[in-house]
Amino acid sequence: MKFDDILMKLGEFGFYQKRLYVLLCMPAILVGSFMMNLVFVMKTPEHRCKLPQLDNDTYEITSEYQRHLINITIPESDDETIEYDRCHYYVYPFGESPSRQNATKITCTEWVYDKSVITQSFASEMHLVCQDTLLTSHAQMIFYFGVLVGDLLFGILADTFGRKKSLYLAIIILIGSAFGVCWSSSYITFVILEFIIGAANHGAFMICCVLGLEMVGPSKRNWAGIVIHMFFAVGLVYLAGMGYFLRNWQHVGLAIAAPCVLFLCYWWIIPESPRWLLSRGRHDEAVTILKKVALTNKANIPEKLLQIQDEPDPHGNLWHLFSSKVLFVRTMIIFLNWAVVSLMYYGVTMNVGNMGGDFYLNFFLLALIEFPAYSICIYLVDKIGRKKLHCGCMLLGGFACASTIFTVLFGGKTLEPLTLALAIVGKLGASGAFCVIYVFSAELYPTVVRNAGMGASSCIARIGGMLAPYVAKSGELVDGKFGKALPLVIFGAASVFAGLMCLLLPETLNQRLPETIEDGNRFGRGNDYNDSTTIVEKYTSKKEKQLVSSESL
């Protein structure tokens, strides 16, 4: 009997699986916080050059004398949206009265910062402004590169040494690096630790997803794969709250790192994956775990049914996805959508500081909108199909973000609430698309290359995440109102293009999915590949026959 048959007898999502699934979803809360923490850590407050004549200078004007010094020392900004020149100040010849005719503009090396939004960020502590402003984007890029490396590294470790050991290793590494980064005294130390956090953090998330799905029955896997992302969104809400109340990058970092210590107890309460044990020939250990599942779920299962004989998975190579024109085009469209979804999802949140209004409220609303996005997708994914839903999410989010150019250019501060509303709709579309692309692409890839295809897609998505901070920072590099609108316009245009391209892909809902490379070439091309019996009907019929046969043993 195959493993999925055993799960159907034990209960596809019984009490044991529910309890385990919730435990595996808990780390996703802190994963969400870590994934977006650099939005707070690398936030650049409003700033100007420190007055050389005033030792205790502050950004806030506290006296008329300080106001006078600012007027004669700090140049006016060329950007209409900024009050002061952020990088230069005037010096005058000794003994002469201050006049712009005899003034020399000098690049400053010290700054003062507005502390009304955030008391201290890493960017303000290290003075990552002016000519060093792109270092903030570099740090975010390195973090997401760490995510990419972590997915690859911990994927290999989980397949080689087991899910449980790899998850625990990731948790230990995450705890050490997350606490360590809070006391970083240099930029180099900071980015190295952020790289490690990215790798361990998302590596742990990936293992939790895999371990959770491997214990859930076939009919519940799409649902389970989406719900864990709701816990990810809870982490964003938690981060918004910690940022608002603490307002210091080190304190926020500690507030995220401290709960990770609780996951050290997982060594004693999280089992190894029975599927992985079987793949390694450790049959007795797998059966022991399955008996615990049966006992907890109050399922009666004969000993003979535990003689599991899973067939080896068919194997193919990634290059097979590029072996024909049809598969090449589809693969490139899938890759494009993964990259753009990631770019849009992370980028819109990173751009929160350019939307006007309250920084923390904006971040909170962008996090909160993910819950209805995931709920809508759970309801619609099996009703209107993957293709229509994914395309609809991409177009909705894309047009909403692109439309902000009108509210920013022609409305200014008076239309900031509408700009925020459009950005929230953009995040709604991106969050929904992120859910659907997991299901859609997995069903489009032929079985023999499905794991390789999904792994490659995840890597491509990380490239989108690595580009997101640079697009978000472009708003600060371009002066004027257009600079504020530019990031969302780029995100929106990319999303619309990718969404339209996915119209070239075939629908997979209730279709017999491709198993071989030849199936992949024929799938959805108007031939007799998809017969009148859907994959769901065939699977259900097959399982019913097998279960009846098993019960007779």
Protein backbone atom coordinates (compact mmCIF):
# COMPACT_ATOMS: atom_id res chain seq x y z
CA MET A 1 0.00 0.00 0.00
CA LYS A 2 1.24 3.50 -0.83
CA PHE A 3 1.74 6.24 1.74
CA ASP A 4 -1.19 8.38 0.54
CA ASP A 5 -3.48 5.35 0.93
CA ILE A 6 -2.37 5.01 4.54
CA LEU A 7 -3.08 8.70 5.17
CA MET A 8 -6.59 8.32 3.81
CA LYS A 9 -7.20 5.49 6.29
CA LEU A 10 -5.62 7.39 9.17
CA GLY A 11 -7.45 10.60 8.30
CA GLU A 12 -6.18 13.07 5.73
CA PHE A 13 -6.25 15.88 8.26
CA GLY A 14 -7.03 14.30 11.60
CA PHE A 15 -6.32 15.70 15.05
CA TYR A 16 -2.68 14.57 14.94
CA GLN A 17 -2.08 16.37 11.64
CA LYS A 18 -3.95 19.47 12.79
CA ARG A 19 -1.85 19.70 15.95
CA LEU A 20 1.37 19.14 14.01
CA TYR A 21 0.35 21.59 11.30
CA VAL A 22 -0.33 24.38 13.81
CA LEU A 23 3.06 23.75 15.46
CA LEU A 24 4.79 23.95 12.08
CA CYS A 25 2.91 27.13 11.22
CA MET A 26 4.08 28.95 14.35
CA PRO A 27 7.62 29.60 13.02
CA ALA A 28 6.02 31.19 9.95
CA ILE A 29 4.95 34.11 12.17
CA LEU A 30 8.55 35.03 12.93
CA VAL A 31 9.62 34.20 9.38
CA GLY A 32 7.25 36.93 8.19
CA SER A 33 8.76 39.36 10.72
CA PHE A 34 12.33 38.59 9.67
CA MET A 35 11.51 38.81 5.96
CA MET A 36 10.31 42.41 6.31
CA ASN A 37 12.31 43.58 9.31
CA LEU A 38 14.80 45.45 7.11
CA VAL A 39 11.99 47.83 6.11
CA PHE A 40 12.28 49.18 9.68
CA VAL A 41 15.99 48.56 10.22
CA MET A 42 17.01 50.30 6.99
CA LYS A 43 14.46 53.09 7.11
CA THR A 44 16.13 56.44 6.42
CA PRO A 45 14.46 59.18 8.49
CA GLU A 46 14.22 62.75 7.26
CA HIS A 47 17.64 64.32 7.79
CA ARG A 48 19.94 67.23 7.03
CA CYS A 49 23.58 68.12 7.62
CA LYS A 50 24.61 68.75 11.22
CA LEU A 51 25.29 72.42 11.90
CA PRO A 52 29.05 72.80 12.49
CA GLN A 53 28.41 75.84 14.70
CA LEU A 54 26.10 73.95 17.07
CA ASP A 55 27.44 70.98 19.05
CA ASN A 56 24.04 69.84 20.33
CA ASP A 57 22.21 70.31 17.01
CA THR A 58 18.98 68.37 16.50
CA TYR A 59 16.70 67.97 13.51
CA GLU A 60 13.85 69.57 15.42
CA ILE A 61 14.16 73.33 15.70
CA THR A 62 14.32 74.25 19.39
CA SER A 63 15.27 77.94 19.26
CA GLU A 64 15.26 80.98 16.99
CA TYR A 65 19.06 80.98 17.01
CA GLN A 66 19.07 77.43 15.64
CA ARG A 67 16.50 78.46 12.99
CA HIS A 68 18.76 81.36 11.95
CA LEU A 69 21.79 79.07 11.63
CA ILE A 70 19.78 76.62 9.52
CA ASN A 71 18.61 79.40 7.20
CA ILE A 72 22.15 80.61 6.49
CA THR A 73 23.92 77.22 6.58
CA ILE A 74 21.62 74.62 5.00
CA PRO A 75 20.80 75.05 1.27
CA GLU A 76 17.26 74.73 0.07
CA SER A 77 16.45 71.40 -1.54
CA ASP A 78 16.01 71.15 -5.30
CA ASP A 79 13.34 68.53 -4.63
CA GLU A 80 9.96 70.13 -3.95
CA THR A 81 8.99 67.25 -1.65
CA ILE A 82 11.99 67.76 0.69
CA GLU A 83 12.51 70.76 2.98
CA TYR A 84 16.32 70.76 3.29
CA ASP A 85 19.28 69.76 1.16
CA ARG A 86 20.29 66.50 2.79
CA CYS A 87 23.94 66.32 1.78
CA HIS A 88 25.46 69.82 1.72
CA TYR A 89 25.93 72.93 3.82
CA TYR A 90 27.38 76.41 3.28
CA VAL A 91 30.60 77.79 4.72
CA TYR A 92 31.57 81.46 4.56
CA PRO A 93 34.94 83.25 4.55
CA PHE A 94 36.08 84.14 8.05
CA GLY A 95 35.15 87.66 9.07
CA GLU A 96 32.67 88.26 6.24
CA SER A 97 28.93 88.53 6.66
CA PRO A 98 27.03 85.47 5.38
CA SER A 99 25.94 85.87 1.76
CA ARG A 100 25.15 83.30 -0.90
CA GLN A 101 27.55 85.15 -3.22
CA ASN A 102 30.58 84.34 -1.06
CA ALA A 103 29.31 80.95 0.20
CA THR A 104 30.99 77.63 -0.59
CA LYS A 105 28.82 74.49 -0.71
CA ILE A 106 30.49 71.56 1.07
CA THR A 107 29.47 67.90 1.35
CA CYS A 108 28.78 67.08 4.97
CA THR A 109 30.02 64.08 6.97
CA GLU A 110 27.63 64.35 9.94
CA TRP A 111 23.86 64.47 9.97
CA VAL A 112 20.93 64.96 12.31
CA TYR A 113 17.74 62.91 11.94
CA ASP A 114 14.04 63.33 12.54
CA LYS A 115 13.16 61.02 15.44
CA SER A 116 9.40 61.42 15.31
CA VAL A 117 8.89 58.23 13.25
CA ILE A 118 11.77 56.03 14.39
CA THR A 119 14.17 56.88 17.21
CA GLN A 120 17.09 55.08 15.64
CA SER A 121 17.45 52.82 12.61
CA PHE A 122 20.62 51.08 11.49
CA ALA A 123 20.68 53.45 8.51
CA SER A 124 20.71 56.53 10.75
CA GLU A 125 23.16 54.99 13.23
CA MET A 126 25.67 54.19 10.45
CA HIS A 127 24.82 57.33 8.42
CA LEU A 128 23.85 55.36 5.31
CA VAL A 129 22.70 58.48 3.46
CA CYS A 130 23.73 60.66 0.51
CA GLN A 131 26.55 58.90 -1.37
CA ASP A 132 26.05 55.79 0.82
CA THR A 133 22.28 55.60 0.45
CA LEU A 134 22.39 52.55 -1.83
CA LEU A 135 24.08 50.57 0.94
CA THR A 136 20.63 50.12 2.46
CA SER A 137 19.44 48.43 -0.74
CA HIS A 138 22.64 46.38 -0.91
CA ALA A 139 21.93 45.06 2.61
CA GLN A 140 18.40 44.05 1.64
CA MET A 141 19.65 42.41 -1.53
CA ILE A 142 22.24 40.41 0.46
CA PHE A 143 19.50 39.28 2.85
CA TYR A 144 17.37 37.96 -0.02
CA PHE A 145 20.44 36.35 -1.57
CA GLY A 146 20.78 34.56 1.77
CA VAL A 147 17.18 33.39 1.35
CA LEU A 148 18.11 31.94 -2.04
CA VAL A 149 21.17 30.15 -0.63
CA GLY A 150 19.16 28.91 2.36
CA ASP A 151 16.48 27.40 0.14
CA LEU A 152 19.11 25.49 -1.80
CA LEU A 153 21.29 24.51 1.17
CA PHE A 154 18.56 23.46 3.58
CA GLY A 155 16.69 21.72 0.77
CA ILE A 156 19.72 19.49 0.27
CA LEU A 157 20.22 19.01 4.02
CA ALA A 158 16.55 18.12 4.55
CA ASP A 159 16.66 15.51 1.79
CA THR A 160 19.97 14.09 3.03
CA PHE A 161 19.79 14.18 6.83
CA GLY A 162 16.05 14.50 7.41
CA ARG A 163 13.48 17.24 7.94
CA LYS A 164 13.68 17.27 11.73
CA LYS A 165 17.47 17.60 12.08
CA SER A 166 17.66 20.23 9.34
CA LEU A 167 14.84 22.26 10.89
CA TYR A 168 16.53 22.21 14.28
CA LEU A 169 19.85 23.24 12.77
CA ALA A 170 18.14 26.16 11.02
CA ILE A 171 16.49 27.24 14.28
CA ILE A 172 19.79 27.20 16.19
CA ILE A 173 21.58 29.18 13.47
CA LEU A 174 18.69 31.65 13.31
CA ILE A 175 18.71 32.26 17.06
CA GLY A 176 22.44 32.91 17.14
CA SER A 177 22.51 35.25 14.14
CA ALA A 178 19.27 37.06 15.07
CA PHE A 179 20.59 37.98 18.52
CA GLY A 180 24.05 38.73 17.17
CA VAL A 181 22.89 41.20 14.53
CA CYS A 182 21.28 43.38 17.20
CA TRP A 183 24.76 44.35 18.41
CA SER A 184 26.40 44.79 15.02
CA SER A 185 28.99 47.53 15.21
CA SER A 186 29.82 47.73 11.50
CA TYR A 187 28.09 47.49 8.16
CA ILE A 188 30.11 44.43 7.08
CA THR A 189 29.23 42.50 10.24
CA PHE A 190 25.60 43.50 9.85
CA VAL A 191 25.20 42.28 6.26
CA ILE A 192 27.03 39.00 6.95
CA LEU A 193 24.67 38.24 9.83
CA GLU A 194 21.64 39.32 7.77
CA PHE A 195 22.77 36.90 5.05
CA ILE A 196 22.86 34.10 7.62
CA ILE A 197 19.46 35.14 9.01
CA GLY A 198 17.96 35.07 5.52
CA ALA A 199 19.34 31.59 4.85
CA ALA A 200 18.33 30.04 8.19
CA ASN A 201 15.01 31.87 8.43
CA HIS A 202 13.61 30.88 5.06
CA GLY A 203 15.31 27.50 5.18
CA ALA A 204 13.33 26.74 8.34
CA PHE A 205 10.13 28.01 6.69
CA MET A 206 10.65 25.79 3.66
CA ILE A 207 11.20 22.71 5.85
CA CYS A 208 8.08 23.50 7.90
CA CYS A 209 6.06 23.74 4.68
CA VAL A 210 7.41 20.44 3.34
CA LEU A 211 7.04 18.57 6.64
CA GLY A 212 3.49 19.84 7.07
CA LEU A 213 2.42 18.91 3.55
CA GLU A 214 4.00 15.46 3.76
CA MET A 215 1.71 14.58 6.67
CA VAL A 216 -1.48 15.86 5.01
CA GLY A 217 -3.71 13.85 2.68
CA PRO A 218 -3.86 14.65 -1.07
CA SER A 219 -7.17 16.51 -0.99
CA LYS A 220 -6.00 18.89 1.76
CA ARG A 221 -2.58 19.89 0.44
CA ASN A 222 -3.61 22.96 -1.57
CA TRP A 223 -5.49 24.27 1.46
CA ALA A 224 -2.59 23.54 3.82
CA GLY A 225 -0.10 25.17 1.44
CA ILE A 226 -2.06 28.44 1.48
CA VAL A 227 -3.04 28.66 5.16
CA ILE A 228 0.58 28.65 6.36
CA HIS A 229 1.01 31.96 4.53
CA MET A 230 -1.65 33.46 6.80
CA PHE A 231 0.70 32.85 9.73
CA PHE A 232 3.38 34.62 7.68
CA ALA A 233 1.02 37.61 7.50
CA VAL A 234 0.50 37.45 11.28
CA GLY A 235 4.25 38.01 11.54
CA LEU A 236 3.95 41.19 9.50
CA VAL A 237 1.23 42.48 11.82
CA TYR A 238 3.43 41.60 14.83
CA LEU A 239 6.34 43.47 13.24
CA ALA A 240 4.16 46.55 12.68
CA GLY A 241 3.18 46.53 16.35
CA MET A 242 6.73 46.07 17.64
CA GLY A 243 7.98 48.80 15.32
CA TYR A 244 5.31 51.24 16.48
CA PHE A 245 5.85 50.68 20.21
CA LEU A 246 9.66 50.23 20.30
CA ARG A 247 10.90 52.50 17.45
CA ASN A 248 14.50 51.33 17.77
CA TRP A 249 16.01 48.83 15.35
CA GLN A 250 17.86 46.90 18.06
CA HIS A 251 14.80 46.60 20.29
CA VAL A 252 12.63 45.47 17.38
CA GLY A 253 15.28 42.92 16.43
CA LEU A 254 15.32 41.52 19.96
CA ALA A 255 11.51 41.38 20.01
CA ILE A 256 11.64 39.14 16.92
CA ALA A 257 14.64 37.04 17.99
CA ALA A 258 13.48 36.27 21.54
CA PRO A 259 10.41 34.13 20.63
CA CYS A 260 12.65 31.93 18.44
CA VAL A 261 14.03 30.39 21.64
CA LEU A 262 10.65 28.70 22.17
CA PHE A 263 11.20 26.60 19.06
CA LEU A 264 14.12 24.81 20.69
CA CYS A 265 11.52 22.52 22.29
CA TYR A 266 10.52 21.28 18.82
CA TRP A 267 13.21 18.60 19.01
CA TRP A 268 11.00 16.73 21.49
CA ILE A 269 7.57 17.38 19.95
CA ILE A 270 8.05 17.41 16.15
CA PRO A 271 8.41 13.97 14.53
CA GLU A 272 10.55 13.10 11.55
CA SER A 273 8.69 12.84 8.24
CA PRO A 274 7.52 9.23 7.71
CA ARG A 275 7.78 9.80 3.96
CA TRP A 276 11.46 10.72 4.30
CA LEU A 277 12.10 7.74 6.59
CA LEU A 278 10.58 5.42 4.01
CA SER A 279 12.69 6.96 1.24
CA ARG A 280 15.75 6.09 3.36
CA GLY A 281 14.63 2.53 4.05
CA ARG A 282 13.88 3.20 7.73
CA HIS A 283 10.54 1.39 7.63
CA ASP A 284 10.24 0.52 11.32
CA GLU A 285 10.68 4.15 12.43
CA ALA A 286 8.05 5.28 9.93
CA VAL A 287 5.58 2.67 11.13
CA THR A 288 6.13 3.74 14.75
CA ILE A 289 5.15 7.32 13.87
CA LEU A 290 2.14 6.17 11.84
CA LYS A 291 0.91 4.11 14.80
CA LYS A 292 1.03 7.27 16.94
CA VAL A 293 -1.00 9.05 14.26
CA ALA A 294 -3.57 6.24 14.27
CA LEU A 295 -3.81 6.30 18.07
CA THR A 296 -4.28 10.09 18.21
CA ASN A 297 -6.79 10.11 15.34
CA LYS A 298 -8.62 7.12 16.87
CA ALA A 299 -8.27 5.25 13.61
CA ASN A 300 -8.22 1.46 13.48
CA ILE A 301 -5.72 0.25 10.93
CA PRO A 302 -4.65 -3.40 10.45
CA GLU A 303 -0.96 -4.20 10.72
CA LYS A 304 -0.90 -5.47 7.14
CA LEU A 305 -1.89 -2.05 5.83
CA LEU A 306 1.36 -0.65 7.21
CA GLN A 307 3.38 -2.66 4.72
CA ILE A 308 4.04 0.45 2.68
CA GLN A 309 5.47 -0.02 -0.77
CA ASP A 310 5.90 3.40 -2.28
CA GLU A 311 7.18 3.31 -5.82
CA PRO A 312 10.22 5.49 -6.54
CA ASP A 313 9.32 8.86 -7.97
CA PRO A 314 9.93 9.20 -11.72
CA HIS A 315 12.96 11.36 -12.38
CA GLY A 316 13.81 13.93 -15.00
CA ASN A 317 16.27 16.76 -15.41
CA LEU A 318 15.64 20.50 -15.32
CA TRP A 319 16.94 20.92 -18.87
CA HIS A 320 13.98 18.85 -20.10
CA LEU A 321 11.81 21.93 -19.45
CA PHE A 322 13.72 23.65 -22.26
CA SER A 323 13.81 20.69 -24.65
CA SER A 324 10.92 21.89 -26.83
CA LYS A 325 9.43 25.20 -27.88
CA VAL A 326 6.19 24.58 -25.99
CA LEU A 327 7.86 23.71 -22.69
CA PHE A 328 10.47 26.46 -23.11
CA VAL A 329 7.84 29.18 -23.58
CA ARG A 330 5.70 27.92 -20.69
CA THR A 331 8.69 27.61 -18.37
CA MET A 332 9.87 31.13 -19.16
CA ILE A 333 6.38 32.53 -18.53
CA ILE A 334 6.22 30.68 -15.20
CA PHE A 335 9.67 31.98 -14.25
CA LEU A 336 8.64 35.52 -15.22
CA ASN A 337 5.55 35.35 -13.05
CA TRP A 338 7.47 34.00 -10.05
CA ALA A 339 10.03 36.81 -10.34
CA VAL A 340 7.42 39.55 -10.78
CA VAL A 341 5.16 38.24 -8.00
CA SER A 342 8.10 38.30 -5.59
CA LEU A 343 9.21 41.73 -6.85
CA MET A 344 5.71 43.12 -6.37
CA TYR A 345 4.97 41.45 -3.04
CA TYR A 346 8.13 42.59 -1.26
CA GLY A 347 8.59 45.81 -3.20
CA VAL A 348 5.22 47.35 -2.39
CA THR A 349 5.87 46.87 1.32
CA MET A 350 9.43 48.22 1.04
CA ASN A 351 8.01 51.33 -0.60
CA VAL A 352 5.78 52.06 2.39
CA GLY A 353 7.85 55.10 3.39
CA ASN A 354 7.14 56.87 0.07
CA MET A 355 3.35 56.68 0.29
CA GLY A 356 2.83 59.55 2.71
CA GLY A 357 0.71 59.41 5.83
CA ASP A 358 1.60 57.39 8.92
CA PHE A 359 4.45 54.95 8.28
CA TYR A 360 3.28 52.34 10.81
CA LEU A 361 -0.39 52.49 9.84
CA ASN A 362 0.54 52.05 6.19
CA PHE A 363 2.69 49.01 7.00
CA PHE A 364 -0.05 47.53 9.19
CA LEU A 365 -2.70 47.91 6.48
CA LEU A 366 -0.42 46.35 3.86
CA ALA A 367 0.02 43.38 6.21
CA LEU A 368 -3.65 43.13 7.11
CA ILE A 369 -4.80 42.95 3.47
CA GLU A 370 -3.06 39.59 3.07
CA PHE A 371 -5.71 37.81 5.13
CA PRO A 372 -8.62 38.55 2.74
CA ALA A 373 -6.27 37.85 -0.20
CA TYR A 374 -5.53 34.33 1.03
CA SER A 375 -9.17 33.71 1.98
CA ILE A 376 -10.39 34.75 -1.46
CA CYS A 377 -7.85 32.47 -3.13
CA ILE A 378 -8.81 29.48 -0.99
CA TYR A 379 -12.44 30.01 -2.01
CA LEU A 380 -11.89 30.69 -5.73
CA VAL A 381 -8.90 28.52 -6.70
CA ASP A 382 -11.06 25.44 -7.30
CA LYS A 383 -14.04 27.37 -8.68
CA ILE A 384 -12.80 29.65 -11.46
CA GLY A 385 -9.49 27.96 -12.11
CA ARG A 386 -5.83 28.73 -11.52
CA LYS A 387 -5.23 30.62 -14.76
CA LYS A 388 -8.10 33.10 -14.43
CA LEU A 389 -7.47 33.67 -10.73
CA HIS A 390 -3.73 34.21 -11.11
CA CYS A 391 -4.15 36.48 -14.11
CA GLY A 392 -6.88 38.42 -12.33
CA CYS A 393 -4.71 38.95 -9.24
CA MET A 394 -1.75 40.12 -11.32
CA LEU A 395 -3.82 42.54 -13.39
CA LEU A 396 -5.73 43.87 -10.38
CA GLY A 397 -2.56 44.54 -8.43
CA GLY A 398 -0.70 45.87 -11.46
CA PHE A 399 -3.31 48.38 -12.58
CA ALA A 400 -3.83 49.55 -8.98
CA CYS A 401 -0.12 50.26 -8.46
CA ALA A 402 0.32 51.87 -11.88
CA SER A 403 -2.66 54.15 -11.22
CA THR A 404 -0.86 55.77 -8.29
CA ILE A 405 1.03 57.94 -10.77
CA PHE A 406 -2.13 60.04 -11.19
CA THR A 407 -2.83 60.44 -7.48
CA VAL A 408 0.81 61.37 -6.75
CA LEU A 409 1.40 63.75 -9.69
CA PHE A 410 -1.96 65.52 -9.67
CA GLY A 411 -3.17 65.12 -6.10
CA GLY A 412 -0.14 65.37 -3.86
CA LYS A 413 -0.85 65.25 -0.14
CA THR A 414 -4.59 65.72 -0.61
CA LEU A 415 -4.85 62.33 -2.36
CA GLU A 416 -2.39 60.40 -0.17
CA PRO A 417 -5.22 58.24 1.27
CA LEU A 418 -6.19 57.23 -2.29
CA THR A 419 -2.55 56.47 -3.11
CA LEU A 420 -2.38 54.23 -0.05
CA ALA A 421 -5.67 52.54 -1.00
CA LEU A 422 -4.34 51.75 -4.47
CA ALA A 423 -1.11 50.37 -2.98
CA ILE A 424 -3.17 48.18 -0.64
CA VAL A 425 -5.11 46.81 -3.62
CA GLY A 426 -1.75 46.19 -5.28
CA LYS A 427 -0.59 44.18 -2.26
CA LEU A 428 -3.90 42.29 -2.30
CA GLY A 429 -3.24 41.22 -5.88
CA ALA A 430 0.39 40.30 -5.20
CA SER A 431 -0.49 38.23 -2.13
CA GLY A 432 -3.21 36.36 -3.98
CA ALA A 433 -0.95 35.74 -6.98
CA PHE A 434 1.78 34.38 -4.70
CA CYS A 435 -0.67 31.75 -3.41
CA VAL A 436 -1.97 30.71 -6.81
CA ILE A 437 1.42 30.53 -8.56
CA TYR A 438 2.49 27.76 -6.17
CA VAL A 439 -0.45 25.57 -7.22
CA PHE A 440 -0.54 26.64 -10.87
CA SER A 441 3.13 26.08 -11.66
CA ALA A 442 3.30 22.77 -9.77
CA GLU A 443 0.44 21.44 -11.89
CA LEU A 444 1.91 22.72 -15.16
CA TYR A 445 5.30 21.04 -14.68
CA PRO A 446 5.34 17.36 -15.75
CA THR A 447 5.68 14.94 -12.85
CA VAL A 448 9.18 13.81 -13.85
CA VAL A 449 10.55 17.36 -13.47
CA ARG A 450 8.07 18.84 -10.99
CA ASN A 451 10.46 19.05 -8.04
CA ALA A 452 13.25 20.44 -10.19
CA GLY A 453 10.88 22.96 -11.79
CA MET A 454 9.51 24.18 -8.46
CA GLY A 455 13.01 24.48 -7.04
CA ALA A 456 14.13 26.55 -10.02
CA SER A 457 10.98 28.70 -9.76
CA SER A 458 11.70 29.42 -6.10
CA CYS A 459 15.24 30.51 -7.02
CA ILE A 460 13.89 32.83 -9.73
CA ALA A 461 11.47 34.31 -7.18
CA ARG A 462 14.42 35.20 -4.94
CA ILE A 463 15.91 37.20 -7.80
CA GLY A 464 12.72 39.27 -7.83
CA GLY A 465 13.09 39.80 -4.08
CA MET A 466 16.72 40.88 -4.56
CA LEU A 467 15.68 43.48 -7.14
CA ALA A 468 12.79 44.84 -5.05
CA PRO A 469 14.85 47.08 -2.71
CA TYR A 470 16.52 48.82 -5.64
CA VAL A 471 13.20 49.56 -7.31
CA ALA A 472 11.80 50.82 -3.99
CA LYS A 473 14.90 53.01 -3.48
CA SER A 474 14.51 54.52 -6.98
CA GLY A 475 11.85 56.78 -5.49
CA GLU A 476 14.52 58.50 -3.39
CA LEU A 477 17.01 58.74 -6.24
CA VAL A 478 14.61 60.59 -8.55
CA ASP A 479 13.60 64.07 -7.44
CA GLY A 480 10.09 65.44 -7.26
CA LYS A 481 6.65 63.88 -7.24
CA PHE A 482 7.50 61.53 -10.08
CA GLY A 483 10.15 59.95 -7.86
CA LYS A 484 7.50 59.11 -5.27
CA ALA A 485 5.31 57.50 -7.93
CA LEU A 486 8.08 55.69 -9.83
CA PRO A 487 8.48 52.49 -7.71
CA LEU A 488 4.77 51.63 -7.71
CA VAL A 489 4.54 52.37 -11.44
CA ILE A 490 7.40 49.94 -12.12
CA PHE A 491 5.82 47.27 -9.91
CA GLY A 492 2.45 47.80 -11.59
CA ALA A 493 3.75 47.69 -15.16
CA ALA A 494 5.73 44.50 -14.48
CA SER A 495 2.70 42.86 -12.87
CA VAL A 496 0.38 43.70 -15.77
CA PHE A 497 2.88 42.38 -18.32
CA ALA A 498 3.44 39.11 -16.42
CA GLY A 499 -0.31 38.67 -15.86
CA LEU A 500 -1.06 39.06 -19.57
CA MET A 501 1.69 36.61 -20.46
CA CYS A 502 0.14 33.91 -18.27
CA LEU A 503 -2.91 33.96 -20.57
CA LEU A 504 -0.72 31.90 -22.91
CA LEU A 505 -0.64 29.09 -20.33
CA PRO A 506 -3.25 26.29 -20.27
CA GLU A 507 -5.74 25.84 -17.44
CA THR A 508 -5.00 22.98 -15.03
CA LEU A 509 -8.19 22.84 -12.93
CA ASN A 510 -9.79 19.36 -13.14
CA GLN A 511 -7.40 18.31 -15.89
CA ARG A 512 -5.33 15.14 -16.12
CA LEU A 513 -1.94 16.56 -15.26
CA PRO A 514 1.16 15.85 -17.36
CA GLU A 515 3.45 13.12 -16.07
CA THR A 516 6.07 12.71 -18.80
CA ILE A 517 7.87 15.27 -20.95
CA GLU A 518 5.73 14.19 -23.89
CA ASP A 519 2.61 14.78 -21.79
CA GLY A 520 3.91 18.26 -21.04
CA ASN A 521 4.27 18.99 -24.75
CA ARG A 522 0.73 17.83 -25.50
CA PHE A 523 -0.98 19.27 -22.41
CA GLY A 524 -3.54 21.99 -23.19
CA ARG A 525 -2.90 22.06 -26.95
CA GLY A 526 -6.40 21.19 -28.07
CA ASN A 527 -5.70 17.50 -28.64
CA ASP A 528 -7.08 14.37 -27.04
CA TYR A 529 -4.65 14.49 -24.12
CA ASN A 530 -7.33 15.55 -21.61
CA ASP A 531 -10.13 13.04 -21.82
CA SER A 532 -13.57 13.37 -20.28
CA THR A 533 -12.45 11.82 -17.00
CA THR A 534 -10.67 14.38 -14.86
CA ILE A 535 -7.67 13.65 -12.72
CA VAL A 536 -9.76 14.15 -9.58
CA GLU A 537 -12.30 11.56 -10.68
CA LYS A 538 -9.63 9.04 -11.66
CA TYR A 539 -7.71 9.54 -8.44
CA THR A 540 -10.83 9.17 -6.29
CA SER A 541 -11.95 6.06 -8.13
CA LYS A 542 -8.50 4.48 -7.89
CA LYS A 543 -8.21 5.19 -4.17
CA GLU A 544 -11.65 3.78 -3.44
CA LYS A 545 -10.77 0.54 -5.21
CA GLN A 546 -7.47 0.26 -3.37
CA LEU A 547 -9.07 0.89 0.01
CA VAL A 548 -11.74 -1.74 -0.60
CA SER A 549 -9.02 -4.19 -1.56
CA SER A 550 -6.99 -3.28 1.52
CA GLU A 551 -9.94 -3.72 3.89
CA SER A 552 -10.39 -7.27 2.66
CA LEU A 553 -6.88 -8.28 3.83
